[in-house]
Amino acid sequence: IPDEDIEMVANTAGVSAADAEEALRATGGDLAEAILKLN
């Protein structure tokens, strides 16, 4: 997972980078799905 993706998900969902990375791993790297899951 690229750092840019982690940063974008963290900023969009308003969560920490660790939470954003965890969500991205859980969704197979799908940005939109990770944001929806966190929100």
PDB file of all heavy atoms in Angstrom:
ATOM      1  N   ILE A   1       0.857  -1.183   0.000  1.00  0.00           N
ATOM      2  CA  ILE A   1       0.000   0.000   0.000  1.00  0.00           C
ATOM      3  C   ILE A   1       0.894   1.234   0.000  1.00  0.00           C
ATOM      4  O   ILE A   1       1.664   1.441   0.942  1.00  0.00           O
ATOM      5  CB  ILE A   1      -0.939   0.005   1.221  1.00  0.00           C
ATOM      6  CG1 ILE A   1      -1.822  -1.247   1.181  1.00  0.00           C
ATOM      7  CG2 ILE A   1      -1.781   1.267   1.245  1.00  0.00           C
ATOM      8  CD1 ILE A   1      -2.673  -1.451   2.395  1.00  0.00           C
ATOM      9  N   PRO A   2       0.802   2.066  -1.032  1.00  0.00           N
ATOM     10  CA  PRO A   2       1.621   3.277  -1.097  1.00  0.00           C
ATOM     11  C   PRO A   2       1.290   4.244   0.041  1.00  0.00           C
ATOM     12  O   PRO A   2       0.142   4.345   0.481  1.00  0.00           O
ATOM     13  CB  PRO A   2       1.266   3.890  -2.451  1.00  0.00           C
ATOM     14  CG  PRO A   2       0.619   2.795  -3.229  1.00  0.00           C
ATOM     15  CD  PRO A   2      -0.019   1.889  -2.232  1.00  0.00           C
ATOM     16  N   ASP A   3       2.306   4.972   0.502  1.00  0.00           N
ATOM     17  CA  ASP A   3       2.120   5.952   1.572  1.00  0.00           C
ATOM     18  C   ASP A   3       1.098   7.019   1.181  1.00  0.00           C
ATOM     19  O   ASP A   3       0.359   7.518   2.035  1.00  0.00           O
ATOM     20  CB  ASP A   3       3.452   6.624   1.932  1.00  0.00           C
ATOM     21  CG  ASP A   3       4.416   5.650   2.607  1.00  0.00           C
ATOM     22  OD1 ASP A   3       3.938   4.642   3.193  1.00  0.00           O
ATOM     23  OD2 ASP A   3       5.638   5.890   2.545  1.00  0.00           O
ATOM     24  N   GLU A   4       1.060   7.364  -0.108  1.00  0.00           N
ATOM     25  CA  GLU A   4       0.101   8.378  -0.580  1.00  0.00           C
ATOM     26  C   GLU A   4      -1.334   7.917  -0.343  1.00  0.00           C
ATOM     27  O   GLU A   4      -2.197   8.711   0.020  1.00  0.00           O
ATOM     28  CB  GLU A   4       0.302   8.676  -2.074  1.00  0.00           C
ATOM     29  CG  GLU A   4       1.654   9.242  -2.434  1.00  0.00           C
ATOM     30  CD  GLU A   4       2.706   8.162  -2.645  1.00  0.00           C
ATOM     31  OE1 GLU A   4       2.390   7.037  -3.093  1.00  0.00           O
ATOM     32  OE2 GLU A   4       3.873   8.450  -2.340  1.00  0.00           O
ATOM     33  N   ASP A   5      -1.591   6.621  -0.566  1.00  0.00           N
ATOM     34  CA  ASP A   5      -2.939   6.079  -0.357  1.00  0.00           C
ATOM     35  C   ASP A   5      -3.304   6.127   1.126  1.00  0.00           C
ATOM     36  O   ASP A   5      -4.431   6.486   1.484  1.00  0.00           O
ATOM     37  CB  ASP A   5      -3.037   4.636  -0.868  1.00  0.00           C
ATOM     38  CG  ASP A   5      -2.996   4.547  -2.382  1.00  0.00           C
ATOM     39  OD1 ASP A   5      -2.935   5.607  -3.047  1.00  0.00           O
ATOM     40  OD2 ASP A   5      -3.015   3.418  -2.901  1.00  0.00           O
ATOM     41  N   ILE A   6      -2.360   5.771   1.985  1.00  0.00           N
ATOM     42  CA  ILE A   6      -2.610   5.794   3.430  1.00  0.00           C
ATOM     43  C   ILE A   6      -2.920   7.213   3.867  1.00  0.00           C
ATOM     44  O   ILE A   6      -3.882   7.455   4.607  1.00  0.00           O
ATOM     45  CB  ILE A   6      -1.402   5.225   4.207  1.00  0.00           C
ATOM     46  CG1 ILE A   6      -1.212   3.738   3.887  1.00  0.00           C
ATOM     47  CG2 ILE A   6      -1.569   5.449   5.710  1.00  0.00           C
ATOM     48  CD1 ILE A   6       0.077   3.151   4.416  1.00  0.00           C
ATOM     49  N   GLU A   7      -2.120   8.162   3.382  1.00  0.00           N
ATOM     50  CA  GLU A   7      -2.307   9.570   3.757  1.00  0.00           C
ATOM     51  C   GLU A   7      -3.661  10.091   3.268  1.00  0.00           C
ATOM     52  O   GLU A   7      -4.369  10.786   3.991  1.00  0.00           O
ATOM     53  CB  GLU A   7      -1.172  10.403   3.156  1.00  0.00           C
ATOM     54  CG  GLU A   7      -1.169  11.846   3.595  1.00  0.00           C
ATOM     55  CD  GLU A   7       0.010  12.609   3.014  1.00  0.00           C
ATOM     56  OE1 GLU A   7       1.085  12.021   2.845  1.00  0.00           O
ATOM     57  OE2 GLU A   7      -0.181  13.814   2.730  1.00  0.00           O
ATOM     58  N   MET A   8      -4.035   9.736   2.035  1.00  0.00           N
ATOM     59  CA  MET A   8      -5.310  10.209   1.483  1.00  0.00           C
ATOM     60  C   MET A   8      -6.490   9.646   2.267  1.00  0.00           C
ATOM     61  O   MET A   8      -7.428  10.371   2.605  1.00  0.00           O
ATOM     62  CB  MET A   8      -5.439   9.826   0.012  1.00  0.00           C
ATOM     63  CG  MET A   8      -6.704  10.401  -0.623  1.00  0.00           C
ATOM     64  SD  MET A   8      -6.761  10.243  -2.389  1.00  0.00           S
ATOM     65  CE  MET A   8      -7.268   8.556  -2.552  1.00  0.00           C
ATOM     66  N   VAL A   9      -6.460   8.355   2.587  1.00  0.00           N
ATOM     67  CA  VAL A   9      -7.550   7.738   3.352  1.00  0.00           C
ATOM     68  C   VAL A   9      -7.607   8.341   4.755  1.00  0.00           C
ATOM     69  O   VAL A   9      -8.686   8.653   5.270  1.00  0.00           O
ATOM     70  CB  VAL A   9      -7.397   6.200   3.410  1.00  0.00           C
ATOM     71  CG1 VAL A   9      -8.375   5.585   4.392  1.00  0.00           C
ATOM     72  CG2 VAL A   9      -7.593   5.597   2.028  1.00  0.00           C
ATOM     73  N   ALA A  10      -6.449   8.534   5.390  1.00  0.00           N
ATOM     74  CA  ALA A  10      -6.404   9.113   6.741  1.00  0.00           C
ATOM     75  C   ALA A  10      -6.985  10.520   6.744  1.00  0.00           C
ATOM     76  O   ALA A  10      -7.794  10.862   7.620  1.00  0.00           O
ATOM     77  CB  ALA A  10      -4.968   9.122   7.259  1.00  0.00           C
ATOM     78  N   ASN A  11      -6.602  11.357   5.762  1.00  0.00           N
ATOM     79  CA  ASN A  11      -7.108  12.731   5.686  1.00  0.00           C
ATOM     80  C   ASN A  11      -8.591  12.772   5.359  1.00  0.00           C
ATOM     81  O   ASN A  11      -9.342  13.558   5.938  1.00  0.00           O
ATOM     82  CB  ASN A  11      -6.318  13.533   4.652  1.00  0.00           C
ATOM     83  CG  ASN A  11      -4.898  13.804   5.097  1.00  0.00           C
ATOM     84  OD1 ASN A  11      -4.591  13.784   6.291  1.00  0.00           O
ATOM     85  ND2 ASN A  11      -4.016  14.059   4.136  1.00  0.00           N
ATOM     86  N   THR A  12      -9.028  11.944   4.441  1.00  0.00           N
ATOM     87  CA  THR A  12     -10.431  11.948   4.021  1.00  0.00           C
ATOM     88  C   THR A  12     -11.350  11.440   5.125  1.00  0.00           C
ATOM     89  O   THR A  12     -12.419  11.990   5.357  1.00  0.00           O
ATOM     90  CB  THR A  12     -10.618  11.092   2.749  1.00  0.00           C
ATOM     91  OG1 THR A  12      -9.721  11.558   1.740  1.00  0.00           O
ATOM     92  CG2 THR A  12     -12.033  11.172   2.233  1.00  0.00           C
ATOM     93  N   ALA A  13     -10.922  10.379   5.815  1.00  0.00           N
ATOM     94  CA  ALA A  13     -11.764   9.778   6.857  1.00  0.00           C
ATOM     95  C   ALA A  13     -11.535  10.422   8.223  1.00  0.00           C
ATOM     96  O   ALA A  13     -12.290  10.157   9.156  1.00  0.00           O
ATOM     97  CB  ALA A  13     -11.495   8.280   6.933  1.00  0.00           C
ATOM     98  N   GLY A  14     -10.494  11.231   8.343  1.00  0.00           N
ATOM     99  CA  GLY A  14     -10.207  11.888   9.615  1.00  0.00           C
ATOM    100  C   GLY A  14      -9.717  10.919  10.684  1.00  0.00           C
ATOM    101  O   GLY A  14     -10.116  11.009  11.846  1.00  0.00           O
ATOM    102  N   VAL A  15      -8.859   9.972  10.286  1.00  0.00           N
ATOM    103  CA  VAL A  15      -8.333   8.980  11.228  1.00  0.00           C
ATOM    104  C   VAL A  15      -6.804   8.980  11.162  1.00  0.00           C
ATOM    105  O   VAL A  15      -6.206   9.647  10.315  1.00  0.00           O
ATOM    106  CB  VAL A  15      -8.871   7.564  10.921  1.00  0.00           C
ATOM    107  CG1 VAL A  15     -10.379   7.514  11.081  1.00  0.00           C
ATOM    108  CG2 VAL A  15      -8.464   7.110   9.531  1.00  0.00           C
ATOM    109  N   SER A  16      -6.193   8.211  12.039  1.00  0.00           N
ATOM    110  CA  SER A  16      -4.731   8.114  12.042  1.00  0.00           C
ATOM    111  C   SER A  16      -4.253   7.292  10.844  1.00  0.00           C
ATOM    112  O   SER A  16      -5.021   6.540  10.239  1.00  0.00           O
ATOM    113  CB  SER A  16      -4.251   7.457  13.333  1.00  0.00           C
ATOM    114  OG  SER A  16      -4.620   6.089  13.341  1.00  0.00           O
ATOM    115  N   ALA A  17      -2.964   7.438  10.548  1.00  0.00           N
ATOM    116  CA  ALA A  17      -2.367   6.682   9.443  1.00  0.00           C
ATOM    117  C   ALA A  17      -2.434   5.178   9.706  1.00  0.00           C
ATOM    118  O   ALA A  17      -2.666   4.388   8.789  1.00  0.00           O
ATOM    119  CB  ALA A  17      -0.925   7.123   9.220  1.00  0.00           C
ATOM    120  N   ALA A  18      -2.263   4.777  10.959  1.00  0.00           N
ATOM    121  CA  ALA A  18      -2.310   3.345  11.308  1.00  0.00           C
ATOM    122  C   ALA A  18      -3.705   2.777  11.048  1.00  0.00           C
ATOM    123  O   ALA A  18      -3.842   1.676  10.509  1.00  0.00           O
ATOM    124  CB  ALA A  18      -1.917   3.146  12.764  1.00  0.00           C
ATOM    125  N   ASP A  19      -4.757   3.552  11.427  1.00  0.00           N
ATOM    126  CA  ASP A  19      -6.128   3.104  11.184  1.00  0.00           C
ATOM    127  C   ASP A  19      -6.422   3.054   9.685  1.00  0.00           C
ATOM    128  O   ASP A  19      -7.094   2.142   9.196  1.00  0.00           O
ATOM    129  CB  ASP A  19      -7.139   4.021  11.881  1.00  0.00           C
ATOM    130  CG  ASP A  19      -7.117   3.878  13.395  1.00  0.00           C
ATOM    131  OD1 ASP A  19      -6.597   2.853  13.889  1.00  0.00           O
ATOM    132  OD2 ASP A  19      -7.609   4.796  14.083  1.00  0.00           O
ATOM    133  N   ALA A  20      -5.911   4.034   8.951  1.00  0.00           N
ATOM    134  CA  ALA A  20      -6.124   4.070   7.494  1.00  0.00           C
ATOM    135  C   ALA A  20      -5.441   2.873   6.834  1.00  0.00           C
ATOM    136  O   ALA A  20      -6.027   2.221   5.965  1.00  0.00           O
ATOM    137  CB  ALA A  20      -5.581   5.372   6.924  1.00  0.00           C
ATOM    138  N   GLU A  21      -4.214   2.556   7.265  1.00  0.00           N
ATOM    139  CA  GLU A  21      -3.501   1.417   6.692  1.00  0.00           C
ATOM    140  C   GLU A  21      -4.218   0.107   6.996  1.00  0.00           C
ATOM    141  O   GLU A  21      -4.354  -0.761   6.135  1.00  0.00           O
ATOM    142  CB  GLU A  21      -2.066   1.355   7.218  1.00  0.00           C
ATOM    143  CG  GLU A  21      -1.258   0.242   6.587  1.00  0.00           C
ATOM    144  CD  GLU A  21       0.198   0.231   7.018  1.00  0.00           C
ATOM    145  OE1 GLU A  21       0.608   1.071   7.832  1.00  0.00           O
ATOM    146  OE2 GLU A  21       0.920  -0.644   6.509  1.00  0.00           O
ATOM    147  N   GLU A  22      -4.711  -0.019   8.208  1.00  0.00           N
ATOM    148  CA  GLU A  22      -5.448  -1.235   8.603  1.00  0.00           C
ATOM    149  C   GLU A  22      -6.700  -1.408   7.740  1.00  0.00           C
ATOM    150  O   GLU A  22      -7.013  -2.508   7.283  1.00  0.00           O
ATOM    151  CB  GLU A  22      -5.822  -1.146  10.089  1.00  0.00           C
ATOM    152  CG  GLU A  22      -6.462  -2.394  10.626  1.00  0.00           C
ATOM    153  CD  GLU A  22      -6.806  -2.267  12.112  1.00  0.00           C
ATOM    154  OE1 GLU A  22      -6.022  -1.665  12.865  1.00  0.00           O
ATOM    155  OE2 GLU A  22      -7.875  -2.782  12.490  1.00  0.00           O
ATOM    156  N   ALA A  23      -7.417  -0.304   7.518  1.00  0.00           N
ATOM    157  CA  ALA A  23      -8.627  -0.363   6.691  1.00  0.00           C
ATOM    158  C   ALA A  23      -8.282  -0.716   5.244  1.00  0.00           C
ATOM    159  O   ALA A  23      -8.999  -1.484   4.595  1.00  0.00           O
ATOM    160  CB  ALA A  23      -9.376   0.962   6.760  1.00  0.00           C
ATOM    161  N   LEU A  24      -7.188  -0.158   4.734  1.00  0.00           N
ATOM    162  CA  LEU A  24      -6.770  -0.462   3.359  1.00  0.00           C
ATOM    163  C   LEU A  24      -6.390  -1.934   3.220  1.00  0.00           C
ATOM    164  O   LEU A  24      -6.725  -2.578   2.224  1.00  0.00           O
ATOM    165  CB  LEU A  24      -5.601   0.431   2.948  1.00  0.00           C
ATOM    166  CG  LEU A  24      -5.990   1.850   2.542  1.00  0.00           C
ATOM    167  CD1 LEU A  24      -4.768   2.758   2.522  1.00  0.00           C
ATOM    168  CD2 LEU A  24      -6.678   1.843   1.187  1.00  0.00           C
ATOM    169  N   ARG A  25      -5.708  -2.488   4.211  1.00  0.00           N
ATOM    170  CA  ARG A  25      -5.344  -3.911   4.153  1.00  0.00           C
ATOM    171  C   ARG A  25      -6.599  -4.783   4.208  1.00  0.00           C
ATOM    172  O   ARG A  25      -6.700  -5.785   3.512  1.00  0.00           O
ATOM    173  CB  ARG A  25      -4.391  -4.270   5.289  1.00  0.00           C
ATOM    174  CG  ARG A  25      -3.015  -3.674   5.097  1.00  0.00           C
ATOM    175  CD  ARG A  25      -1.956  -4.332   5.949  1.00  0.00           C
ATOM    176  NE  ARG A  25      -0.677  -3.665   5.766  1.00  0.00           N
ATOM    177  CZ  ARG A  25       0.126  -3.824   4.718  1.00  0.00           C
ATOM    178  NH1 ARG A  25      -0.223  -4.657   3.751  1.00  0.00           N
ATOM    179  NH2 ARG A  25       1.271  -3.180   4.625  1.00  0.00           N
ATOM    180  N   ALA A  26      -7.566  -4.386   5.038  1.00  0.00           N
ATOM    181  CA  ALA A  26      -8.804  -5.160   5.181  1.00  0.00           C
ATOM    182  C   ALA A  26      -9.635  -5.140   3.896  1.00  0.00           C
ATOM    183  O   ALA A  26     -10.388  -6.085   3.629  1.00  0.00           O
ATOM    184  CB  ALA A  26      -9.627  -4.627   6.344  1.00  0.00           C
ATOM    185  N   THR A  27      -9.486  -4.076   3.111  1.00  0.00           N
ATOM    186  CA  THR A  27     -10.278  -3.954   1.878  1.00  0.00           C
ATOM    187  C   THR A  27      -9.467  -4.275   0.625  1.00  0.00           C
ATOM    188  O   THR A  27      -9.912  -4.018  -0.483  1.00  0.00           O
ATOM    189  CB  THR A  27     -10.857  -2.526   1.750  1.00  0.00           C
ATOM    190  OG1 THR A  27      -9.775  -1.595   1.720  1.00  0.00           O
ATOM    191  CG2 THR A  27     -11.802  -2.215   2.885  1.00  0.00           C
ATOM    192  N   GLY A  28      -8.277  -4.837   0.808  1.00  0.00           N
ATOM    193  CA  GLY A  28      -7.452  -5.212  -0.337  1.00  0.00           C
ATOM    194  C   GLY A  28      -6.906  -4.030  -1.102  1.00  0.00           C
ATOM    195  O   GLY A  28      -6.633  -4.123  -2.293  1.00  0.00           O
ATOM    196  N   GLY A  29      -6.753  -2.881  -0.427  1.00  0.00           N
ATOM    197  CA  GLY A  29      -6.189  -1.693  -1.066  1.00  0.00           C
ATOM    198  C   GLY A  29      -7.211  -0.807  -1.748  1.00  0.00           C
ATOM    199  O   GLY A  29      -6.844   0.170  -2.396  1.00  0.00           O
ATOM    200  N   ASP A  30      -8.502  -1.115  -1.610  1.00  0.00           N
ATOM    201  CA  ASP A  30      -9.564  -0.320  -2.232  1.00  0.00           C
ATOM    202  C   ASP A  30      -9.764   0.962  -1.431  1.00  0.00           C
ATOM    203  O   ASP A  30     -10.251   0.935  -0.295  1.00  0.00           O
ATOM    204  CB  ASP A  30     -10.856  -1.128  -2.278  1.00  0.00           C
ATOM    205  CG  ASP A  30     -11.946  -0.434  -3.075  1.00  0.00           C
ATOM    206  OD1 ASP A  30     -12.150   0.778  -2.882  1.00  0.00           O
ATOM    207  OD2 ASP A  30     -12.604  -1.123  -3.876  1.00  0.00           O
ATOM    208  N   LEU A  31      -9.412   2.108  -2.021  1.00  0.00           N
ATOM    209  CA  LEU A  31      -9.464   3.396  -1.326  1.00  0.00           C
ATOM    210  C   LEU A  31     -10.886   3.765  -0.902  1.00  0.00           C
ATOM    211  O   LEU A  31     -11.131   4.106   0.257  1.00  0.00           O
ATOM    212  CB  LEU A  31      -8.885   4.499  -2.215  1.00  0.00           C
ATOM    213  CG  LEU A  31      -7.426   4.361  -2.624  1.00  0.00           C
ATOM    214  CD1 LEU A  31      -7.048   5.424  -3.649  1.00  0.00           C
ATOM    215  CD2 LEU A  31      -6.540   4.472  -1.409  1.00  0.00           C
ATOM    216  N   ALA A  32     -11.808   3.705  -1.840  1.00  0.00           N
ATOM    217  CA  ALA A  32     -13.183   4.115  -1.546  1.00  0.00           C
ATOM    218  C   ALA A  32     -13.805   3.233  -0.474  1.00  0.00           C
ATOM    219  O   ALA A  32     -14.453   3.726   0.460  1.00  0.00           O
ATOM    220  CB  ALA A  32     -14.027   4.081  -2.820  1.00  0.00           C
ATOM    221  N   GLU A  33     -13.602   1.936  -0.579  1.00  0.00           N
ATOM    222  CA  GLU A  33     -14.161   0.999   0.396  1.00  0.00           C
ATOM    223  C   GLU A  33     -13.548   1.227   1.778  1.00  0.00           C
ATOM    224  O   GLU A  33     -14.245   1.156   2.801  1.00  0.00           O
ATOM    225  CB  GLU A  33     -13.933  -0.432  -0.060  1.00  0.00           C
ATOM    226  CG  GLU A  33     -14.726  -1.446   0.741  1.00  0.00           C
ATOM    227  CD  GLU A  33     -14.547  -2.860   0.214  1.00  0.00           C
ATOM    228  OE1 GLU A  33     -14.204  -3.044  -0.964  1.00  0.00           O
ATOM    229  OE2 GLU A  33     -14.765  -3.792   1.017  1.00  0.00           O
ATOM    230  N   ALA A  34     -12.262   1.528   1.834  1.00  0.00           N
ATOM    231  CA  ALA A  34     -11.603   1.789   3.114  1.00  0.00           C
ATOM    232  C   ALA A  34     -12.161   3.037   3.769  1.00  0.00           C
ATOM    233  O   ALA A  34     -12.422   3.062   4.981  1.00  0.00           O
ATOM    234  CB  ALA A  34     -10.101   1.924   2.909  1.00  0.00           C
ATOM    235  N   ILE A  35     -12.387   4.075   2.978  1.00  0.00           N
ATOM    236  CA  ILE A  35     -12.957   5.337   3.517  1.00  0.00           C
ATOM    237  C   ILE A  35     -14.356   5.085   4.037  1.00  0.00           C
ATOM    238  O   ILE A  35     -14.733   5.525   5.127  1.00  0.00           O
ATOM    239  CB  ILE A  35     -12.929   6.447   2.438  1.00  0.00           C
ATOM    240  CG1 ILE A  35     -11.482   6.830   2.138  1.00  0.00           C
ATOM    241  CG2 ILE A  35     -13.729   7.653   2.908  1.00  0.00           C
ATOM    242  CD1 ILE A  35     -11.298   7.684   0.914  1.00  0.00           C
ATOM    243  N   LEU A  36     -15.175   4.360   3.245  1.00  0.00           N
ATOM    244  CA  LEU A  36     -16.533   4.046   3.688  1.00  0.00           C
ATOM    245  C   LEU A  36     -16.531   3.230   4.962  1.00  0.00           C
ATOM    246  O   LEU A  36     -17.344   3.460   5.882  1.00  0.00           O
ATOM    247  CB  LEU A  36     -17.302   3.301   2.592  1.00  0.00           C
ATOM    248  CG  LEU A  36     -17.687   4.128   1.361  1.00  0.00           C
ATOM    249  CD1 LEU A  36     -18.239   3.223   0.256  1.00  0.00           C
ATOM    250  CD2 LEU A  36     -18.696   5.194   1.745  1.00  0.00           C
ATOM    251  N   LYS A  37     -15.630   2.276   5.069  1.00  0.00           N
ATOM    252  CA  LYS A  37     -15.539   1.434   6.266  1.00  0.00           C
ATOM    253  C   LYS A  37     -15.184   2.273   7.494  1.00  0.00           C
ATOM    254  O   LYS A  37     -15.743   2.058   8.577  1.00  0.00           O
ATOM    255  CB  LYS A  37     -14.476   0.362   6.035  1.00  0.00           C
ATOM    256  CG  LYS A  37     -14.291  -0.579   7.195  1.00  0.00           C
ATOM    257  CD  LYS A  37     -13.274  -1.651   6.872  1.00  0.00           C
ATOM    258  CE  LYS A  37     -13.106  -2.516   8.121  1.00  0.00           C
ATOM    259  NZ  LYS A  37     -12.533  -3.780   7.850  1.00  0.00           N
ATOM    260  N   LEU A  38     -14.270   3.209   7.326  1.00  0.00           N
ATOM    261  CA  LEU A  38     -13.859   4.046   8.452  1.00  0.00           C
ATOM    262  C   LEU A  38     -14.926   5.067   8.849  1.00  0.00           C
ATOM    263  O   LEU A  38     -15.003   5.460  10.004  1.00  0.00           O
ATOM    264  CB  LEU A  38     -12.541   4.782   8.118  1.00  0.00           C
ATOM    265  CG  LEU A  38     -11.308   3.877   8.049  1.00  0.00           C
ATOM    266  CD1 LEU A  38     -10.158   4.615   7.392  1.00  0.00           C
ATOM    267  CD2 LEU A  38     -10.938   3.386   9.431  1.00  0.00           C
ATOM    268  N   ASN A  39     -15.755   5.475   7.909  1.00  0.00           N
ATOM    269  CA  ASN A  39     -16.793   6.460   8.207  1.00  0.00           C
ATOM    270  C   ASN A  39     -18.100   5.850   8.691  1.00  0.00           C
ATOM    271  O   ASN A  39     -18.999   6.567   9.090  1.00  0.00           O
ATOM    272  CB  ASN A  39     -17.061   7.348   6.975  1.00  0.00           C
ATOM    273  CG  ASN A  39     -15.964   8.341   6.750  1.00  0.00           C
ATOM    274  OD1 ASN A  39     -15.262   8.747   7.681  1.00  0.00           O
ATOM    275  ND2 ASN A  39     -15.784   8.755   5.510  1.00  0.00           N
TER     276      ASN A  39
END
